[in-house]
Structures are given as structure tokens and as C-alpha cells.
Amino acid sequence: MGTRREREAPALPGADDVIAQLGEWPSFHDAEIVRVHIERDGRSKVTIMLTAAAYKQRRVTFTFERIADLSLGGEEVNVQNVIFGLHLEQDGNFTTVEFAPCYGLSGSIKAEAVMVSVE
């Protein structure tokens, strides 16, 4: 399944494809949130540009369905939205994706369905 270094891929639809395209589950350290789209009754998305040289600025998109909880905030979000890292927690029927703060936008989204893809 490719090299993963010390990062384990989450059990999310699309994670295997991310690993196949990038060679590992990526580090989101110093990555930048470049797009947030919230759809009340549909699919919401957060797109993150990977900044590590090995990833050649590829973008990873998390898609959320049936959001149960959402908390986003930050200062100067129109300037740059660098995250310290990304953490996933799967608990029962829900998956929470946390965008750890560094500069700009940060927060978390908890949803019944979370998928991931890479551009």
C-alpha cells in the first residue's frame, strides 16, 4: 500500500487513493486551507493545499455530509490560513476533522460521513 512513514491513514473513503497518489498519508503541518464551502443540506467541502515540497502543492479535499457540529474561526482569514496540523477522530457514527490553529482559519467539523480526495 505504499510508504506511510509514521502516519497512519484514517479509515475514510478515498484515503487509499490519497496514499496511492502521494505515496503516503500526507502531513498537514503548515498546509493551507484554501477553500471552504458549506452546503446546508448537501455536501460541504474543505480544500487544503499541501505545502511540503514532496507534495508539490497538491490539494486534498475533505467532503462532509450530515454535519452534526461545526466550529470555524480565526483572524485575518482572507490573508492566509495555515494550519499546524490536521487531526481525525472517529467515534461511533461520527468523524471529527480538526484543523489545528497556526495562522488564520482553524476549527473542527463533525459529520456522519466524511470522504477525502486529492487533486
PDB file of N, CA and C in Angstrom:
ATOM      1  N   MET A   1       0.804  -1.197   0.000  1.00  0.00           N
ATOM      2  CA  MET A   1       0.000   0.000   0.000  1.00  0.00           C
ATOM      3  C   MET A   1       0.842   1.253   0.000  1.00  0.00           C
ATOM      4  N   GLY A   2       2.100   1.193  -0.217  1.00  0.00           N
ATOM      5  CA  GLY A   2       2.930   2.393  -0.279  1.00  0.00           C
ATOM      6  C   GLY A   2       3.525   2.750   1.065  1.00  0.00           C
ATOM      7  N   THR A   3       4.480   3.633   1.043  1.00  0.00           N
ATOM      8  CA  THR A   3       5.153   4.081   2.252  1.00  0.00           C
ATOM      9  C   THR A   3       4.279   5.087   2.981  1.00  0.00           C
ATOM     10  N   ARG A   4       4.190   4.947   4.302  1.00  0.00           N
ATOM     11  CA  ARG A   4       3.371   5.862   5.081  1.00  0.00           C
ATOM     12  C   ARG A   4       4.175   6.585   6.151  1.00  0.00           C
ATOM     13  N   ARG A   5       5.460   6.350   6.227  1.00  0.00           N
ATOM     14  CA  ARG A   5       6.273   6.860   7.329  1.00  0.00           C
ATOM     15  C   ARG A   5       5.584   6.500   8.624  1.00  0.00           C
ATOM     16  N   GLU A   6       5.471   7.448   9.598  1.00  0.00           N
ATOM     17  CA  GLU A   6       4.820   7.100  10.847  1.00  0.00           C
ATOM     18  C   GLU A   6       3.353   7.493  10.885  1.00  0.00           C
ATOM     19  N   ARG A   7       2.804   8.061   9.824  1.00  0.00           N
ATOM     20  CA  ARG A   7       1.411   8.484   9.793  1.00  0.00           C
ATOM     21  C   ARG A   7       0.523   7.364   9.257  1.00  0.00           C
ATOM     22  N   GLU A   8      -0.493   7.035   9.998  1.00  0.00           N
ATOM     23  CA  GLU A   8      -1.457   6.032   9.555  1.00  0.00           C
ATOM     24  C   GLU A   8      -2.612   6.726   8.855  1.00  0.00           C
ATOM     25  N   ALA A   9      -3.048   6.143   7.787  1.00  0.00           N
ATOM     26  CA  ALA A   9      -4.192   6.684   7.063  1.00  0.00           C
ATOM     27  C   ALA A   9      -5.470   6.414   7.846  1.00  0.00           C
ATOM     28  N   PRO A  10      -6.380   7.340   7.822  1.00  0.00           N
ATOM     29  CA  PRO A  10      -7.656   7.115   8.502  1.00  0.00           C
ATOM     30  C   PRO A  10      -8.529   6.157   7.700  1.00  0.00           C
ATOM     31  N   ALA A  11      -9.513   5.598   8.357  1.00  0.00           N
ATOM     32  CA  ALA A  11     -10.458   4.703   7.685  1.00  0.00           C
ATOM     33  C   ALA A  11     -11.569   5.555   7.065  1.00  0.00           C
ATOM     34  N   LEU A  12     -11.199   6.323   6.041  1.00  0.00           N
ATOM     35  CA  LEU A  12     -12.150   7.183   5.336  1.00  0.00           C
ATOM     36  C   LEU A  12     -12.233   6.764   3.882  1.00  0.00           C
ATOM     37  N   PRO A  13     -13.408   6.856   3.283  1.00  0.00           N
ATOM     38  CA  PRO A  13     -13.492   6.630   1.841  1.00  0.00           C
ATOM     39  C   PRO A  13     -12.562   7.599   1.107  1.00  0.00           C
ATOM     40  N   GLY A  14     -11.754   7.082   0.217  1.00  0.00           N
ATOM     41  CA  GLY A  14     -10.823   7.895  -0.561  1.00  0.00           C
ATOM     42  C   GLY A  14      -9.413   7.935  -0.005  1.00  0.00           C
ATOM     43  N   ALA A  15      -9.200   7.514   1.232  1.00  0.00           N
ATOM     44  CA  ALA A  15      -7.865   7.587   1.843  1.00  0.00           C
ATOM     45  C   ALA A  15      -6.853   6.733   1.086  1.00  0.00           C
ATOM     46  N   ASP A  16      -7.268   5.559   0.616  1.00  0.00           N
ATOM     47  CA  ASP A  16      -6.348   4.701  -0.140  1.00  0.00           C
ATOM     48  C   ASP A  16      -5.903   5.362  -1.440  1.00  0.00           C
ATOM     49  N   ASP A  17      -6.799   6.101  -2.074  1.00  0.00           N
ATOM     50  CA  ASP A  17      -6.447   6.817  -3.301  1.00  0.00           C
ATOM     51  C   ASP A  17      -5.469   7.954  -3.008  1.00  0.00           C
ATOM     52  N   VAL A  18      -5.658   8.635  -1.893  1.00  0.00           N
ATOM     53  CA  VAL A  18      -4.720   9.691  -1.492  1.00  0.00           C
ATOM     54  C   VAL A  18      -3.325   9.092  -1.330  1.00  0.00           C
ATOM     55  N   ILE A  19      -3.244   7.954  -0.646  1.00  0.00           N
ATOM     56  CA  ILE A  19      -1.950   7.289  -0.448  1.00  0.00           C
ATOM     57  C   ILE A  19      -1.363   6.849  -1.781  1.00  0.00           C
ATOM     58  N   ALA A  20      -2.195   6.309  -2.660  1.00  0.00           N
ATOM     59  CA  ALA A  20      -1.706   5.859  -3.970  1.00  0.00           C
ATOM     60  C   ALA A  20      -1.128   7.023  -4.770  1.00  0.00           C
ATOM     61  N   GLN A  21      -1.744   8.192  -4.689  1.00  0.00           N
ATOM     62  CA  GLN A  21      -1.272   9.330  -5.475  1.00  0.00           C
ATOM     63  C   GLN A  21      -0.089  10.057  -4.838  1.00  0.00           C
ATOM     64  N   LEU A  22      -0.034  10.072  -3.507  1.00  0.00           N
ATOM     65  CA  LEU A  22       1.030  10.823  -2.822  1.00  0.00           C
ATOM     66  C   LEU A  22       2.139   9.930  -2.280  1.00  0.00           C
ATOM     67  N   GLY A  23       1.915   8.628  -2.258  1.00  0.00           N
ATOM     68  CA  GLY A  23       2.917   7.706  -1.735  1.00  0.00           C
ATOM     69  C   GLY A  23       2.846   7.492  -0.239  1.00  0.00           C
ATOM     70  N   GLU A  24       1.974   8.215   0.444  1.00  0.00           N
ATOM     71  CA  GLU A  24       1.804   8.113   1.892  1.00  0.00           C
ATOM     72  C   GLU A  24       0.597   8.947   2.290  1.00  0.00           C
ATOM     73  N   TRP A  25       0.146   8.759   3.524  1.00  0.00           N
ATOM     74  CA  TRP A  25      -0.850   9.674   4.074  1.00  0.00           C
ATOM     75  C   TRP A  25      -0.092  10.957   4.413  1.00  0.00           C
ATOM     76  N   PRO A  26      -0.507  12.093   3.869  1.00  0.00           N
ATOM     77  CA  PRO A  26       0.316  13.308   3.975  1.00  0.00           C
ATOM     78  C   PRO A  26       0.349  13.922   5.366  1.00  0.00           C
ATOM     79  N   SER A  27       1.389  14.684   5.579  1.00  0.00           N
ATOM     80  CA  SER A  27       1.476  15.551   6.746  1.00  0.00           C
ATOM     81  C   SER A  27       0.747  16.842   6.391  1.00  0.00           C
ATOM     82  N   PHE A  28      -0.092  17.288   7.266  1.00  0.00           N
ATOM     83  CA  PHE A  28      -0.804  18.543   7.037  1.00  0.00           C
ATOM     84  C   PHE A  28      -0.161  19.690   7.803  1.00  0.00           C
ATOM     85  N   HIS A  29       1.038  19.464   8.345  1.00  0.00           N
ATOM     86  CA  HIS A  29       1.754  20.517   9.067  1.00  0.00           C
ATOM     87  C   HIS A  29       2.084  21.660   8.110  1.00  0.00           C
ATOM     88  N   ASP A  30       1.697  22.857   8.474  1.00  0.00           N
ATOM     89  CA  ASP A  30       1.909  24.078   7.688  1.00  0.00           C
ATOM     90  C   ASP A  30       1.184  24.064   6.341  1.00  0.00           C
ATOM     91  N   ALA A  31       0.196  23.188   6.185  1.00  0.00           N
ATOM     92  CA  ALA A  31      -0.636  23.213   4.985  1.00  0.00           C
ATOM     93  C   ALA A  31      -1.596  24.399   5.088  1.00  0.00           C
ATOM     94  N   GLU A  32      -2.212  24.760   3.973  1.00  0.00           N
ATOM     95  CA  GLU A  32      -3.072  25.936   3.972  1.00  0.00           C
ATOM     96  C   GLU A  32      -4.483  25.595   3.506  1.00  0.00           C
ATOM     97  N   ILE A  33      -5.460  25.996   4.312  1.00  0.00           N
ATOM     98  CA  ILE A  33      -6.858  25.877   3.898  1.00  0.00           C
ATOM     99  C   ILE A  33      -7.091  26.927   2.816  1.00  0.00           C
ATOM    100  N   VAL A  34      -7.465  26.475   1.621  1.00  0.00           N
ATOM    101  CA  VAL A  34      -7.640  27.407   0.503  1.00  0.00           C
ATOM    102  C   VAL A  34      -9.095  27.543   0.065  1.00  0.00           C
ATOM    103  N   ARG A  35      -9.965  26.651   0.549  1.00  0.00           N
ATOM    104  CA  ARG A  35     -11.366  26.742   0.148  1.00  0.00           C
ATOM    105  C   ARG A  35     -12.239  26.095   1.210  1.00  0.00           C
ATOM    106  N   VAL A  36     -13.325  26.780   1.567  1.00  0.00           N
ATOM    107  CA  VAL A  36     -14.345  26.240   2.459  1.00  0.00           C
ATOM    108  C   VAL A  36     -15.691  26.481   1.801  1.00  0.00           C
ATOM    109  N   HIS A  37     -16.466  25.417   1.641  1.00  0.00           N
ATOM    110  CA  HIS A  37     -17.796  25.525   1.046  1.00  0.00           C
ATOM    111  C   HIS A  37     -18.761  24.775   1.954  1.00  0.00           C
ATOM    112  N   ILE A  38     -19.701  25.501   2.557  1.00  0.00           N
ATOM    113  CA  ILE A  38     -20.675  24.892   3.451  1.00  0.00           C
ATOM    114  C   ILE A  38     -22.021  24.855   2.738  1.00  0.00           C
ATOM    115  N   GLU A  39     -22.566  23.666   2.628  1.00  0.00           N
ATOM    116  CA  GLU A  39     -23.859  23.450   1.984  1.00  0.00           C
ATOM    117  C   GLU A  39     -24.794  22.894   3.052  1.00  0.00           C
ATOM    118  N   ARG A  40     -25.820  23.634   3.381  1.00  0.00           N
ATOM    119  CA  ARG A  40     -26.688  23.264   4.494  1.00  0.00           C
ATOM    120  C   ARG A  40     -27.270  21.857   4.360  1.00  0.00           C
ATOM    121  N   ASP A  41     -27.815  21.523   3.215  1.00  0.00           N
ATOM    122  CA  ASP A  41     -28.467  20.226   3.039  1.00  0.00           C
ATOM    123  C   ASP A  41     -27.752  19.330   2.041  1.00  0.00           C
ATOM    124  N   GLY A  42     -26.485  19.585   1.803  1.00  0.00           N
ATOM    125  CA  GLY A  42     -25.761  18.793   0.815  1.00  0.00           C
ATOM    126  C   GLY A  42     -24.364  18.472   1.290  1.00  0.00           C
ATOM    127  N   ARG A  43     -23.454  18.462   0.334  1.00  0.00           N
ATOM    128  CA  ARG A  43     -22.057  18.159   0.635  1.00  0.00           C
ATOM    129  C   ARG A  43     -21.276  19.450   0.885  1.00  0.00           C
ATOM    130  N   SER A  44     -20.608  19.493   2.017  1.00  0.00           N
ATOM    131  CA  SER A  44     -19.731  20.612   2.354  1.00  0.00           C
ATOM    132  C   SER A  44     -18.301  20.156   2.131  1.00  0.00           C
ATOM    133  N   LYS A  45     -17.418  21.106   1.789  1.00  0.00           N
ATOM    134  CA  LYS A  45     -16.037  20.732   1.466  1.00  0.00           C
ATOM    135  C   LYS A  45     -15.039  21.716   2.059  1.00  0.00           C
ATOM    136  N   VAL A  46     -13.894  21.166   2.443  1.00  0.00           N
ATOM    137  CA  VAL A  46     -12.741  21.958   2.848  1.00  0.00           C
ATOM    138  C   VAL A  46     -11.560  21.452   2.031  1.00  0.00           C
ATOM    139  N   THR A  47     -10.917  22.366   1.305  1.00  0.00           N
ATOM    140  CA  THR A  47      -9.760  22.009   0.473  1.00  0.00           C
ATOM    141  C   THR A  47      -8.505  22.588   1.098  1.00  0.00           C
ATOM    142  N   ILE A  48      -7.485  21.737   1.201  1.00  0.00           N
ATOM    143  CA  ILE A  48      -6.225  22.099   1.843  1.00  0.00           C
ATOM    144  C   ILE A  48      -5.082  21.891   0.861  1.00  0.00           C
ATOM    145  N   MET A  49      -4.253  22.922   0.683  1.00  0.00           N
ATOM    146  CA  MET A  49      -3.070  22.810  -0.168  1.00  0.00           C
ATOM    147  C   MET A  49      -1.896  22.342   0.685  1.00  0.00           C
ATOM    148  N   LEU A  50      -1.295  21.232   0.261  1.00  0.00           N
ATOM    149  CA  LEU A  50      -0.132  20.704   0.961  1.00  0.00           C
ATOM    150  C   LEU A  50       1.090  21.517   0.566  1.00  0.00           C
ATOM    151  N   THR A  51       1.844  21.987   1.539  1.00  0.00           N
ATOM    152  CA  THR A  51       2.960  22.880   1.239  1.00  0.00           C
ATOM    153  C   THR A  51       4.328  22.209   1.294  1.00  0.00           C
ATOM    154  N   ALA A  52       4.396  21.005   1.835  1.00  0.00           N
ATOM    155  CA  ALA A  52       5.689  20.304   1.866  1.00  0.00           C
ATOM    156  C   ALA A  52       6.143  20.047   0.429  1.00  0.00           C
ATOM    157  N   ALA A  53       7.425  20.238   0.171  1.00  0.00           N
ATOM    158  CA  ALA A  53       7.972  20.114  -1.188  1.00  0.00           C
ATOM    159  C   ALA A  53       7.647  18.774  -1.841  1.00  0.00           C
ATOM    160  N   ALA A  54       7.617  17.713  -1.068  1.00  0.00           N
ATOM    161  CA  ALA A  54       7.358  16.379  -1.617  1.00  0.00           C
ATOM    162  C   ALA A  54       5.975  16.271  -2.256  1.00  0.00           C
ATOM    163  N   TYR A  55       5.041  17.108  -1.828  1.00  0.00           N
ATOM    164  CA  TYR A  55       3.672  17.015  -2.330  1.00  0.00           C
ATOM    165  C   TYR A  55       3.386  17.962  -3.493  1.00  0.00           C
ATOM    166  N   LYS A  56       4.344  18.800  -3.834  1.00  0.00           N
ATOM    167  CA  LYS A  56       4.242  19.697  -4.997  1.00  0.00           C
ATOM    168  C   LYS A  56       2.933  20.476  -5.029  1.00  0.00           C
ATOM    169  N   GLN A  57       2.539  21.011  -3.877  1.00  0.00           N
ATOM    170  CA  GLN A  57       1.349  21.837  -3.721  1.00  0.00           C
ATOM    171  C   GLN A  57       0.067  21.159  -4.203  1.00  0.00           C
ATOM    172  N   ARG A  58      -0.018  19.865  -4.019  1.00  0.00           N
ATOM    173  CA  ARG A  58      -1.253  19.138  -4.309  1.00  0.00           C
ATOM    174  C   ARG A  58      -2.317  19.552  -3.302  1.00  0.00           C
ATOM    175  N   ARG A  59      -3.559  19.362  -3.664  1.00  0.00           N
ATOM    176  CA  ARG A  59      -4.672  19.738  -2.801  1.00  0.00           C
ATOM    177  C   ARG A  59      -5.453  18.503  -2.368  1.00  0.00           C
ATOM    178  N   VAL A  60      -5.794  18.485  -1.092  1.00  0.00           N
ATOM    179  CA  VAL A  60      -6.603  17.420  -0.517  1.00  0.00           C
ATOM    180  C   VAL A  60      -7.931  18.031  -0.102  1.00  0.00           C
ATOM    181  N   THR A  61      -9.018  17.395  -0.517  1.00  0.00           N
ATOM    182  CA  THR A  61     -10.349  17.901  -0.182  1.00  0.00           C
ATOM    183  C   THR A  61     -11.067  16.903   0.721  1.00  0.00           C
ATOM    184  N   PHE A  62     -11.577  17.418   1.825  1.00  0.00           N
ATOM    185  CA  PHE A  62     -12.428  16.645   2.721  1.00  0.00           C
ATOM    186  C   PHE A  62     -13.865  17.040   2.429  1.00  0.00           C
ATOM    187  N   THR A  63     -14.709  16.037   2.197  1.00  0.00           N
ATOM    188  CA  THR A  63     -16.115  16.266   1.901  1.00  0.00           C
ATOM    189  C   THR A  63     -16.934  15.738   3.075  1.00  0.00           C
ATOM    190  N   PHE A  64     -17.878  16.551   3.518  1.00  0.00           N
ATOM    191  CA  PHE A  64     -18.680  16.238   4.702  1.00  0.00           C
ATOM    192  C   PHE A  64     -20.158  16.158   4.321  1.00  0.00           C
ATOM    193  N   GLU A  65     -20.842  15.158   4.857  1.00  0.00           N
ATOM    194  CA  GLU A  65     -22.288  15.047   4.700  1.00  0.00           C
ATOM    195  C   GLU A  65     -22.921  14.883   6.075  1.00  0.00           C
ATOM    196  N   ARG A  66     -24.068  15.482   6.260  1.00  0.00           N
ATOM    197  CA  ARG A  66     -24.820  15.429   7.512  1.00  0.00           C
ATOM    198  C   ARG A  66     -23.962  15.934   8.687  1.00  0.00           C
ATOM    199  N   ILE A  67     -23.586  17.194   8.602  1.00  0.00           N
ATOM    200  CA  ILE A  67     -22.768  17.824   9.643  1.00  0.00           C
ATOM    201  C   ILE A  67     -23.568  17.905  10.942  1.00  0.00           C
ATOM    202  N   ALA A  68     -22.960  17.436  12.022  1.00  0.00           N
ATOM    203  CA  ALA A  68     -23.585  17.471  13.342  1.00  0.00           C
ATOM    204  C   ALA A  68     -23.087  18.658  14.159  1.00  0.00           C
ATOM    205  N   ASP A  69     -21.850  19.069  13.923  1.00  0.00           N
ATOM    206  CA  ASP A  69     -21.263  20.174  14.674  1.00  0.00           C
ATOM    207  C   ASP A  69     -20.180  20.817  13.816  1.00  0.00           C
ATOM    208  N   LEU A  70     -20.119  22.127  13.858  1.00  0.00           N
ATOM    209  CA  LEU A  70     -19.135  22.861  13.074  1.00  0.00           C
ATOM    210  C   LEU A  70     -18.674  24.052  13.897  1.00  0.00           C
ATOM    211  N   SER A  71     -17.376  24.230  13.986  1.00  0.00           N
ATOM    212  CA  SER A  71     -16.809  25.361  14.695  1.00  0.00           C
ATOM    213  C   SER A  71     -15.586  25.843  13.915  1.00  0.00           C
ATOM    214  N   LEU A  72     -15.730  26.962  13.250  1.00  0.00           N
ATOM    215  CA  LEU A  72     -14.626  27.552  12.491  1.00  0.00           C
ATOM    216  C   LEU A  72     -14.426  28.992  12.953  1.00  0.00           C
ATOM    217  N   GLY A  73     -13.190  29.419  13.027  1.00  0.00           N
ATOM    218  CA  GLY A  73     -12.893  30.778  13.438  1.00  0.00           C
ATOM    219  C   GLY A  73     -11.464  31.121  13.102  1.00  0.00           C
ATOM    220  N   GLY A  74     -11.092  32.327  13.437  1.00  0.00           N
ATOM    221  CA  GLY A  74      -9.719  32.757  13.208  1.00  0.00           C
ATOM    222  C   GLY A  74      -9.671  34.226  12.884  1.00  0.00           C
ATOM    223  N   GLU A  75      -8.468  34.731  12.782  1.00  0.00           N
ATOM    224  CA  GLU A  75      -8.242  36.134  12.460  1.00  0.00           C
ATOM    225  C   GLU A  75      -7.598  36.247  11.090  1.00  0.00           C
ATOM    226  N   GLU A  76      -7.936  37.285  10.368  1.00  0.00           N
ATOM    227  CA  GLU A  76      -7.356  37.580   9.060  1.00  0.00           C
ATOM    228  C   GLU A  76      -7.454  36.385   8.110  1.00  0.00           C
ATOM    229  N   VAL A  77      -8.634  35.776   8.055  1.00  0.00           N
ATOM    230  CA  VAL A  77      -8.818  34.577   7.238  1.00  0.00           C
ATOM    231  C   VAL A  77      -8.749  34.866   5.740  1.00  0.00           C
ATOM    232  N   ASN A  78      -8.828  36.107   5.344  1.00  0.00           N
ATOM    233  CA  ASN A  78      -8.691  36.444   3.930  1.00  0.00           C
ATOM    234  C   ASN A  78      -7.241  36.649   3.516  1.00  0.00           C
ATOM    235  N   VAL A  79      -6.316  36.513   4.466  1.00  0.00           N
ATOM    236  CA  VAL A  79      -4.894  36.703   4.178  1.00  0.00           C
ATOM    237  C   VAL A  79      -4.234  35.356   3.885  1.00  0.00           C
ATOM    238  N   GLN A  80      -4.255  34.462   4.876  1.00  0.00           N
ATOM    239  CA  GLN A  80      -3.659  33.143   4.740  1.00  0.00           C
ATOM    240  C   GLN A  80      -4.209  32.264   5.862  1.00  0.00           C
ATOM    241  N   ASN A  81      -4.388  30.982   5.576  1.00  0.00           N
ATOM    242  CA  ASN A  81      -4.998  30.086   6.550  1.00  0.00           C
ATOM    243  C   ASN A  81      -4.149  28.840   6.756  1.00  0.00           C
ATOM    244  N   VAL A  82      -3.028  29.031   7.409  1.00  0.00           N
ATOM    245  CA  VAL A  82      -2.075  27.947   7.652  1.00  0.00           C
ATOM    246  C   VAL A  82      -2.519  27.183   8.895  1.00  0.00           C
ATOM    247  N   ILE A  83      -2.521  25.845   8.794  1.00  0.00           N
ATOM    248  CA  ILE A  83      -2.856  25.033   9.956  1.00  0.00           C
ATOM    249  C   ILE A  83      -1.592  24.363  10.492  1.00  0.00           C
ATOM    250  N   PHE A  84      -1.577  24.135  11.779  1.00  0.00           N
ATOM    251  CA  PHE A  84      -0.440  23.450  12.395  1.00  0.00           C
ATOM    252  C   PHE A  84      -0.467  21.970  12.041  1.00  0.00           C
ATOM    253  N   GLY A  85      -1.663  21.444  11.904  1.00  0.00           N
ATOM    254  CA  GLY A  85      -1.831  20.040  11.564  1.00  0.00           C
ATOM    255  C   GLY A  85      -3.300  19.711  11.443  1.00  0.00           C
ATOM    256  N   LEU A  86      -3.583  18.471  11.125  1.00  0.00           N
ATOM    257  CA  LEU A  86      -4.954  18.002  10.962  1.00  0.00           C
ATOM    258  C   LEU A  86      -5.106  16.724  11.774  1.00  0.00           C
ATOM    259  N   HIS A  87      -6.177  16.668  12.555  1.00  0.00           N
ATOM    260  CA  HIS A  87      -6.416  15.513  13.409  1.00  0.00           C
ATOM    261  C   HIS A  87      -7.795  14.954  13.113  1.00  0.00           C
ATOM    262  N   LEU A  88      -7.891  13.648  13.050  1.00  0.00           N
ATOM    263  CA  LEU A  88      -9.169  12.975  12.807  1.00  0.00           C
ATOM    264  C   LEU A  88      -9.520  12.109  13.997  1.00  0.00           C
ATOM    265  N   GLU A  89     -10.797  12.122  14.345  1.00  0.00           N
ATOM    266  CA  GLU A  89     -11.285  11.263  15.418  1.00  0.00           C
ATOM    267  C   GLU A  89     -12.573  10.613  14.946  1.00  0.00           C
ATOM    268  N   GLN A  90     -12.623   9.306  15.021  1.00  0.00           N
ATOM    269  CA  GLN A  90     -13.816   8.573  14.620  1.00  0.00           C
ATOM    270  C   GLN A  90     -14.444   7.987  15.878  1.00  0.00           C
ATOM    271  N   ASP A  91     -15.714   8.357  16.101  1.00  0.00           N
ATOM    272  CA  ASP A  91     -16.411   7.968  17.324  1.00  0.00           C
ATOM    273  C   ASP A  91     -17.828   7.555  16.957  1.00  0.00           C
ATOM    274  N   GLY A  92     -18.082   6.269  16.978  1.00  0.00           N
ATOM    275  CA  GLY A  92     -19.415   5.781  16.638  1.00  0.00           C
ATOM    276  C   GLY A  92     -19.781   6.119  15.204  1.00  0.00           C
ATOM    277  N   ASN A  93     -20.872   6.829  15.035  1.00  0.00           N
ATOM    278  CA  ASN A  93     -21.356   7.190  13.699  1.00  0.00           C
ATOM    279  C   ASN A  93     -20.746   8.485  13.171  1.00  0.00           C
ATOM    280  N   PHE A  94     -19.868   9.121  13.918  1.00  0.00           N
ATOM    281  CA  PHE A  94     -19.367  10.431  13.538  1.00  0.00           C
ATOM    282  C   PHE A  94     -17.849  10.436  13.360  1.00  0.00           C
ATOM    283  N   THR A  95     -17.407  11.305  12.469  1.00  0.00           N
ATOM    284  CA  THR A  95     -15.986  11.583  12.288  1.00  0.00           C
ATOM    285  C   THR A  95     -15.790  13.079  12.487  1.00  0.00           C
ATOM    286  N   THR A  96     -14.802  13.437  13.293  1.00  0.00           N
ATOM    287  CA  THR A  96     -14.464  14.842  13.507  1.00  0.00           C
ATOM    288  C   THR A  96     -13.115  15.124  12.868  1.00  0.00           C
ATOM    289  N   VAL A  97     -13.059  16.171  12.072  1.00  0.00           N
ATOM    290  CA  VAL A  97     -11.813  16.630  11.472  1.00  0.00           C
ATOM    291  C   VAL A  97     -11.486  17.961  12.134  1.00  0.00           C
ATOM    292  N   GLU A  98     -10.326  18.010  12.776  1.00  0.00           N
ATOM    293  CA  GLU A  98      -9.889  19.232  13.452  1.00  0.00           C
ATOM    294  C   GLU A  98      -8.742  19.847  12.666  1.00  0.00           C
ATOM    295  N   PHE A  99      -8.873  21.131  12.390  1.00  0.00           N
ATOM    296  CA  PHE A  99      -7.840  21.912  11.716  1.00  0.00           C
ATOM    297  C   PHE A  99      -7.139  22.710  12.811  1.00  0.00           C
ATOM    298  N   ALA A 100      -5.977  22.212  13.266  1.00  0.00           N
ATOM    299  CA  ALA A 100      -5.282  22.814  14.395  1.00  0.00           C
ATOM    300  C   ALA A 100      -4.761  24.206  14.027  1.00  0.00           C
ATOM    301  N   PRO A 101      -4.929  25.176  14.903  1.00  0.00           N
ATOM    302  CA  PRO A 101      -4.601  26.559  14.572  1.00  0.00           C
ATOM    303  C   PRO A 101      -3.110  26.841  14.449  1.00  0.00           C
ATOM    304  N   CYS A 102      -2.809  27.691  13.503  1.00  0.00           N
ATOM    305  CA  CYS A 102      -1.472  28.260  13.358  1.00  0.00           C
ATOM    306  C   CYS A 102      -1.650  29.747  13.031  1.00  0.00           C
ATOM    307  N   TYR A 103      -2.227  30.026  11.849  1.00  0.00           N
ATOM    308  CA  TYR A 103      -2.480  31.416  11.453  1.00  0.00           C
ATOM    309  C   TYR A 103      -3.708  31.437  10.554  1.00  0.00           C
ATOM    310  N   GLY A 104      -4.692  32.213  10.906  1.00  0.00           N
ATOM    311  CA  GLY A 104      -5.901  32.302  10.094  1.00  0.00           C
ATOM    312  C   GLY A 104      -6.950  31.305  10.555  1.00  0.00           C
ATOM    313  N   LEU A 105      -7.622  30.697   9.605  1.00  0.00           N
ATOM    314  CA  LEU A 105      -8.753  29.815   9.868  1.00  0.00           C
ATOM    315  C   LEU A 105      -8.333  28.533  10.579  1.00  0.00           C
ATOM    316  N   SER A 106      -9.149  28.112  11.541  1.00  0.00           N
ATOM    317  CA  SER A 106      -8.953  26.841  12.230  1.00  0.00           C
ATOM    318  C   SER A 106     -10.304  26.403  12.772  1.00  0.00           C
ATOM    319  N   GLY A 107     -10.363  25.232  13.347  1.00  0.00           N
ATOM    320  CA  GLY A 107     -11.610  24.764  13.932  1.00  0.00           C
ATOM    321  C   GLY A 107     -11.823  23.287  13.696  1.00  0.00           C
ATOM    322  N   SER A 108     -13.098  22.881  13.705  1.00  0.00           N
ATOM    323  CA  SER A 108     -13.404  21.471  13.513  1.00  0.00           C
ATOM    324  C   SER A 108     -14.779  21.296  12.883  1.00  0.00           C
ATOM    325  N   ILE A 109     -14.945  20.145  12.230  1.00  0.00           N
ATOM    326  CA  ILE A 109     -16.223  19.768  11.644  1.00  0.00           C
ATOM    327  C   ILE A 109     -16.473  18.312  12.019  1.00  0.00           C
ATOM    328  N   LYS A 110     -17.670  18.063  12.556  1.00  0.00           N
ATOM    329  CA  LYS A 110     -18.094  16.717  12.932  1.00  0.00           C
ATOM    330  C   LYS A 110     -19.257  16.333  12.033  1.00  0.00           C
ATOM    331  N   ALA A 111     -19.142  15.191  11.354  1.00  0.00           N
ATOM    332  CA  ALA A 111     -20.174  14.785  10.410  1.00  0.00           C
ATOM    333  C   ALA A 111     -20.368  13.281  10.423  1.00  0.00           C
ATOM    334  N   GLU A 112     -21.533  12.854   9.927  1.00  0.00           N
ATOM    335  CA  GLU A 112     -21.810  11.414   9.829  1.00  0.00           C
ATOM    336  C   GLU A 112     -21.008  10.772   8.724  1.00  0.00           C
ATOM    337  N   ALA A 113     -20.756  11.493   7.643  1.00  0.00           N
ATOM    338  CA  ALA A 113     -19.995  10.938   6.521  1.00  0.00           C
ATOM    339  C   ALA A 113     -18.885  11.910   6.147  1.00  0.00           C
ATOM    340  N   VAL A 114     -17.663  11.390   6.074  1.00  0.00           N
ATOM    341  CA  VAL A 114     -16.503  12.191   5.665  1.00  0.00           C
ATOM    342  C   VAL A 114     -15.740  11.390   4.631  1.00  0.00           C
ATOM    343  N   MET A 115     -15.431  12.040   3.505  1.00  0.00           N
ATOM    344  CA  MET A 115     -14.645  11.424   2.441  1.00  0.00           C
ATOM    345  C   MET A 115     -13.451  12.305   2.167  1.00  0.00           C
ATOM    346  N   VAL A 116     -12.433  11.755   1.523  1.00  0.00           N
ATOM    347  CA  VAL A 116     -11.239  12.528   1.200  1.00  0.00           C
ATOM    348  C   VAL A 116     -10.822  12.225  -0.232  1.00  0.00           C
ATOM    349  N   SER A 117     -10.284  13.247  -0.898  1.00  0.00           N
ATOM    350  CA  SER A 117      -9.779  13.075  -2.272  1.00  0.00           C
ATOM    351  C   SER A 117      -8.582  13.995  -2.464  1.00  0.00           C
ATOM    352  N   VAL A 118      -7.831  13.749  -3.536  1.00  0.00           N
ATOM    353  CA  VAL A 118      -6.654  14.562  -3.824  1.00  0.00           C
ATOM    354  C   VAL A 118      -6.729  15.051  -5.271  1.00  0.00           C
ATOM    355  N   GLU A 119      -6.285  16.276  -5.483  1.00  0.00           N
ATOM    356  CA  GLU A 119      -6.233  16.868  -6.831  1.00  0.00           C
ATOM    357  C   GLU A 119      -4.789  16.965  -7.262  1.00  0.00           C
TER     358      GLU A 119
END
